[in-house]
Amino acid sequence: RLHLVFEKFAKCGLDGATNQLGHTQSVMMLLDTVAVHVTKKETLWRLWVSVASPVNELISKTNDVNQGNALEHNFTAVEMTIVYPFKHLIDSSLNQ
């Protein structure tokens, strides 16, 4: 149930006409904050995928990864989405 609610929350801002990446950044900040409280990595993985997949579709459709403008670039939402699995899902206990 948590996954369904979070997925709807993550997608609702991407359905709007403006500032989809800004909404994504807010969702990723929330996900980053709660990551320390979630013990199951599978849960974090599912929550992250529910954000990353729609963002991937949005980028494929619009070819836009910049939240800023032509003078001030801002790639924070995309960067946070890409870095998240490395930061929270891959731990040092993995064998190389």
N, C-alpha and C. Protein backbone atom coordinates (compact mmCIF):
# COMPACT_ATOMS: atom_id res chain seq x y z
N ARG A 1 0.82 -1.19 0.00
CA ARG A 1 0.00 0.00 0.00
C ARG A 1 0.87 1.26 0.00
N LEU A 2 1.93 1.25 0.79
CA LEU A 2 2.85 2.38 0.83
C LEU A 2 3.41 2.66 -0.56
N HIS A 3 3.76 1.59 -1.27
CA HIS A 3 4.34 1.76 -2.60
C HIS A 3 3.36 2.42 -3.56
N LEU A 4 2.11 2.02 -3.50
CA LEU A 4 1.10 2.60 -4.39
C LEU A 4 0.87 4.08 -4.11
N VAL A 5 0.80 4.43 -2.84
CA VAL A 5 0.60 5.84 -2.47
C VAL A 5 1.80 6.67 -2.89
N PHE A 6 3.00 6.16 -2.63
CA PHE A 6 4.21 6.90 -2.99
C PHE A 6 4.32 7.05 -4.51
N GLU A 7 3.96 5.99 -5.24
CA GLU A 7 4.01 6.05 -6.70
C GLU A 7 3.05 7.12 -7.24
N LYS A 8 1.86 7.18 -6.69
CA LYS A 8 0.90 8.21 -7.12
C LYS A 8 1.41 9.61 -6.77
N PHE A 9 2.01 9.76 -5.58
CA PHE A 9 2.59 11.03 -5.17
C PHE A 9 3.71 11.45 -6.11
N ALA A 10 4.57 10.51 -6.45
CA ALA A 10 5.70 10.81 -7.33
C ALA A 10 5.23 11.18 -8.73
N LYS A 11 4.19 10.51 -9.22
CA LYS A 11 3.70 10.76 -10.58
C LYS A 11 2.84 12.01 -10.70
N CYS A 12 2.18 12.41 -9.63
CA CYS A 12 1.24 13.53 -9.73
C CYS A 12 1.92 14.81 -10.19
N GLY A 13 3.12 15.07 -9.76
CA GLY A 13 3.84 16.27 -10.19
C GLY A 13 4.37 16.17 -11.60
N LEU A 14 4.56 14.95 -12.09
CA LEU A 14 5.05 14.77 -13.45
C LEU A 14 3.93 14.91 -14.48
N ASP A 15 2.69 14.82 -14.03
CA ASP A 15 1.55 14.98 -14.93
C ASP A 15 1.22 16.44 -15.19
N GLY A 16 1.75 17.34 -14.36
CA GLY A 16 1.49 18.76 -14.51
C GLY A 16 2.23 19.35 -15.69
N ALA A 17 1.86 20.55 -16.04
CA ALA A 17 2.44 21.20 -17.21
C ALA A 17 3.77 21.89 -16.90
N THR A 18 4.00 22.23 -15.65
CA THR A 18 5.21 22.99 -15.32
C THR A 18 5.96 22.37 -14.15
N ASN A 19 7.24 22.60 -14.16
CA ASN A 19 8.15 22.25 -13.07
C ASN A 19 8.11 20.79 -12.65
N GLN A 20 8.05 19.90 -13.62
CA GLN A 20 8.05 18.47 -13.31
C GLN A 20 9.35 18.05 -12.62
N LEU A 21 10.47 18.59 -13.08
CA LEU A 21 11.75 18.23 -12.47
C LEU A 21 11.88 18.83 -11.07
N GLY A 22 11.27 19.96 -10.84
CA GLY A 22 11.25 20.53 -9.49
C GLY A 22 10.51 19.63 -8.52
N HIS A 23 9.39 19.07 -8.97
CA HIS A 23 8.64 18.12 -8.15
C HIS A 23 9.48 16.87 -7.91
N THR A 24 10.16 16.41 -8.94
CA THR A 24 11.02 15.24 -8.80
C THR A 24 12.11 15.49 -7.77
N GLN A 25 12.68 16.68 -7.80
CA GLN A 25 13.71 17.01 -6.82
C GLN A 25 13.14 16.95 -5.40
N SER A 26 11.95 17.46 -5.20
CA SER A 26 11.31 17.42 -3.87
C SER A 26 11.06 15.98 -3.43
N VAL A 27 10.59 15.15 -4.35
CA VAL A 27 10.34 13.74 -4.02
C VAL A 27 11.64 13.03 -3.69
N MET A 28 12.69 13.30 -4.45
CA MET A 28 13.98 12.67 -4.18
C MET A 28 14.57 13.14 -2.85
N MET A 29 14.36 14.39 -2.50
CA MET A 29 14.82 14.89 -1.20
C MET A 29 14.09 14.16 -0.07
N LEU A 30 12.79 13.94 -0.25
CA LEU A 30 12.01 13.20 0.74
C LEU A 30 12.51 11.76 0.84
N LEU A 31 12.72 11.13 -0.29
CA LEU A 31 13.20 9.75 -0.32
C LEU A 31 14.59 9.64 0.30
N ASP A 32 15.43 10.63 0.05
CA ASP A 32 16.77 10.67 0.63
C ASP A 32 16.70 10.78 2.16
N THR A 33 15.76 11.57 2.64
CA THR A 33 15.60 11.77 4.08
C THR A 33 15.12 10.51 4.79
N VAL A 34 14.18 9.80 4.21
CA VAL A 34 13.62 8.62 4.87
C VAL A 34 14.47 7.37 4.69
N ALA A 35 15.46 7.42 3.83
CA ALA A 35 16.28 6.24 3.54
C ALA A 35 16.95 5.68 4.80
N VAL A 36 17.34 6.52 5.71
CA VAL A 36 18.01 6.05 6.93
C VAL A 36 17.06 5.30 7.86
N HIS A 37 15.76 5.50 7.69
CA HIS A 37 14.77 4.87 8.55
C HIS A 37 14.20 3.58 7.97
N VAL A 38 14.45 3.32 6.71
CA VAL A 38 13.92 2.12 6.05
C VAL A 38 15.00 1.04 6.11
N THR A 39 14.65 -0.10 6.68
CA THR A 39 15.65 -1.16 6.86
C THR A 39 15.76 -2.09 5.66
N LYS A 40 14.71 -2.25 4.91
CA LYS A 40 14.74 -3.16 3.76
C LYS A 40 15.15 -2.41 2.50
N LYS A 41 16.24 -2.84 1.91
CA LYS A 41 16.72 -2.20 0.68
C LYS A 41 15.74 -2.42 -0.47
N GLU A 42 14.99 -3.53 -0.44
CA GLU A 42 14.01 -3.79 -1.48
C GLU A 42 12.92 -2.71 -1.49
N THR A 43 12.56 -2.23 -0.31
CA THR A 43 11.56 -1.17 -0.21
C THR A 43 12.10 0.12 -0.82
N LEU A 44 13.34 0.47 -0.47
CA LEU A 44 13.96 1.66 -1.05
C LEU A 44 14.06 1.53 -2.56
N TRP A 45 14.41 0.33 -3.02
CA TRP A 45 14.53 0.09 -4.46
C TRP A 45 13.19 0.34 -5.15
N ARG A 46 12.12 -0.22 -4.62
CA ARG A 46 10.79 -0.04 -5.23
C ARG A 46 10.37 1.42 -5.23
N LEU A 47 10.64 2.12 -4.13
CA LEU A 47 10.29 3.53 -4.06
C LEU A 47 11.09 4.34 -5.07
N TRP A 48 12.38 4.04 -5.18
CA TRP A 48 13.23 4.76 -6.13
C TRP A 48 12.77 4.49 -7.57
N VAL A 49 12.46 3.25 -7.89
CA VAL A 49 12.00 2.91 -9.24
C VAL A 49 10.71 3.64 -9.58
N SER A 50 9.84 3.83 -8.58
CA SER A 50 8.59 4.54 -8.83
C SER A 50 8.82 6.01 -9.16
N VAL A 51 9.99 6.53 -8.84
CA VAL A 51 10.36 7.90 -9.23
C VAL A 51 11.17 7.87 -10.52
N ALA A 52 12.15 6.99 -10.59
CA ALA A 52 13.09 6.98 -11.71
C ALA A 52 12.43 6.62 -13.04
N SER A 53 11.51 5.69 -13.04
CA SER A 53 10.87 5.29 -14.30
C SER A 53 10.07 6.42 -14.95
N PRO A 54 9.20 7.10 -14.20
CA PRO A 54 8.49 8.23 -14.82
C PRO A 54 9.42 9.36 -15.25
N VAL A 55 10.49 9.59 -14.48
CA VAL A 55 11.45 10.64 -14.86
C VAL A 55 12.14 10.25 -16.16
N ASN A 56 12.48 8.98 -16.29
CA ASN A 56 13.09 8.49 -17.52
C ASN A 56 12.15 8.71 -18.71
N GLU A 57 10.88 8.41 -18.52
CA GLU A 57 9.89 8.62 -19.59
C GLU A 57 9.77 10.11 -19.93
N LEU A 58 9.75 10.96 -18.91
CA LEU A 58 9.66 12.40 -19.12
C LEU A 58 10.85 12.91 -19.91
N ILE A 59 12.04 12.48 -19.53
CA ILE A 59 13.25 12.92 -20.23
C ILE A 59 13.26 12.41 -21.66
N SER A 60 12.83 11.17 -21.87
CA SER A 60 12.77 10.62 -23.23
C SER A 60 11.79 11.40 -24.10
N LYS A 61 10.69 11.85 -23.49
CA LYS A 61 9.67 12.58 -24.23
C LYS A 61 10.08 14.03 -24.51
N THR A 62 10.68 14.69 -23.52
CA THR A 62 10.95 16.12 -23.64
C THR A 62 12.40 16.46 -23.99
N ASN A 63 13.31 15.51 -23.80
CA ASN A 63 14.75 15.74 -23.98
C ASN A 63 15.25 16.89 -23.11
N ASP A 64 14.61 17.09 -21.98
CA ASP A 64 14.99 18.19 -21.08
C ASP A 64 15.41 17.63 -19.73
N VAL A 65 16.62 17.96 -19.31
CA VAL A 65 17.12 17.54 -18.00
C VAL A 65 17.47 18.75 -17.14
N ASN A 66 17.23 19.94 -17.65
CA ASN A 66 17.61 21.18 -16.98
C ASN A 66 16.40 21.81 -16.31
N GLN A 67 16.48 21.97 -14.99
CA GLN A 67 15.41 22.66 -14.26
C GLN A 67 15.57 24.17 -14.37
N GLY A 68 16.76 24.59 -14.69
CA GLY A 68 17.05 26.02 -14.74
C GLY A 68 16.69 26.61 -16.09
N ASN A 69 17.45 27.63 -16.46
CA ASN A 69 17.23 28.28 -17.75
C ASN A 69 18.53 28.27 -18.54
N ALA A 70 18.57 29.00 -19.63
CA ALA A 70 19.76 29.01 -20.49
C ALA A 70 20.97 29.62 -19.80
N LEU A 71 20.75 30.52 -18.87
CA LEU A 71 21.87 31.18 -18.18
C LEU A 71 22.30 30.44 -16.91
N GLU A 72 21.34 29.91 -16.19
CA GLU A 72 21.64 29.21 -14.94
C GLU A 72 21.11 27.78 -15.03
N HIS A 73 22.01 26.85 -15.27
CA HIS A 73 21.63 25.44 -15.40
C HIS A 73 21.40 24.84 -14.02
N ASN A 74 20.48 23.89 -13.94
CA ASN A 74 20.19 23.20 -12.69
C ASN A 74 19.80 21.76 -13.03
N PHE A 75 20.69 20.85 -12.74
CA PHE A 75 20.47 19.44 -13.03
C PHE A 75 20.25 18.63 -11.75
N THR A 76 19.85 19.29 -10.68
CA THR A 76 19.78 18.65 -9.37
C THR A 76 18.84 17.45 -9.34
N ALA A 77 17.66 17.56 -9.90
CA ALA A 77 16.69 16.45 -9.85
C ALA A 77 17.23 15.21 -10.55
N VAL A 78 17.80 15.39 -11.72
CA VAL A 78 18.34 14.26 -12.47
C VAL A 78 19.54 13.68 -11.73
N GLU A 79 20.40 14.54 -11.22
CA GLU A 79 21.57 14.07 -10.47
C GLU A 79 21.15 13.28 -9.24
N MET A 80 20.19 13.79 -8.48
CA MET A 80 19.73 13.08 -7.29
C MET A 80 19.13 11.72 -7.64
N THR A 81 18.41 11.66 -8.74
CA THR A 81 17.79 10.41 -9.17
C THR A 81 18.83 9.39 -9.58
N ILE A 82 19.86 9.84 -10.28
CA ILE A 82 20.92 8.92 -10.73
C ILE A 82 21.79 8.45 -9.57
N VAL A 83 22.11 9.33 -8.66
CA VAL A 83 23.04 9.02 -7.57
C VAL A 83 22.39 8.18 -6.47
N TYR A 84 21.10 8.25 -6.32
CA TYR A 84 20.39 7.61 -5.21
C TYR A 84 20.75 6.13 -5.01
N PRO A 85 20.72 5.30 -6.04
CA PRO A 85 21.03 3.88 -5.80
C PRO A 85 22.46 3.67 -5.29
N PHE A 86 23.38 4.48 -5.77
CA PHE A 86 24.76 4.34 -5.32
C PHE A 86 24.92 4.80 -3.88
N LYS A 87 24.14 5.77 -3.50
CA LYS A 87 24.23 6.33 -2.16
C LYS A 87 23.53 5.47 -1.11
N HIS A 88 22.39 4.87 -1.47
CA HIS A 88 21.58 4.19 -0.46
C HIS A 88 21.37 2.69 -0.70
N LEU A 89 21.54 2.22 -1.91
CA LEU A 89 21.21 0.83 -2.19
C LEU A 89 22.42 -0.08 -2.32
N ILE A 90 23.53 0.47 -2.72
CA ILE A 90 24.75 -0.32 -2.85
C ILE A 90 25.59 -0.04 -1.63
N ASP A 91 25.81 -1.07 -0.83
CA ASP A 91 26.60 -0.84 0.38
C ASP A 91 27.99 -1.46 0.26
N SER A 92 28.81 -1.20 1.22
CA SER A 92 30.21 -1.64 1.18
C SER A 92 30.35 -3.14 1.39
N SER A 93 29.29 -3.82 1.77
CA SER A 93 29.39 -5.26 2.00
C SER A 93 29.33 -6.08 0.71
N LEU A 94 29.09 -5.44 -0.41
CA LEU A 94 29.05 -6.17 -1.68
C LEU A 94 30.45 -6.58 -2.10
N ASN A 95 30.55 -7.78 -2.62
CA ASN A 95 31.84 -8.25 -3.14
C ASN A 95 32.10 -7.63 -4.49
N GLN A 96 33.37 -7.38 -4.76
CA GLN A 96 33.72 -6.79 -6.05
C GLN A 96 33.96 -7.87 -7.08
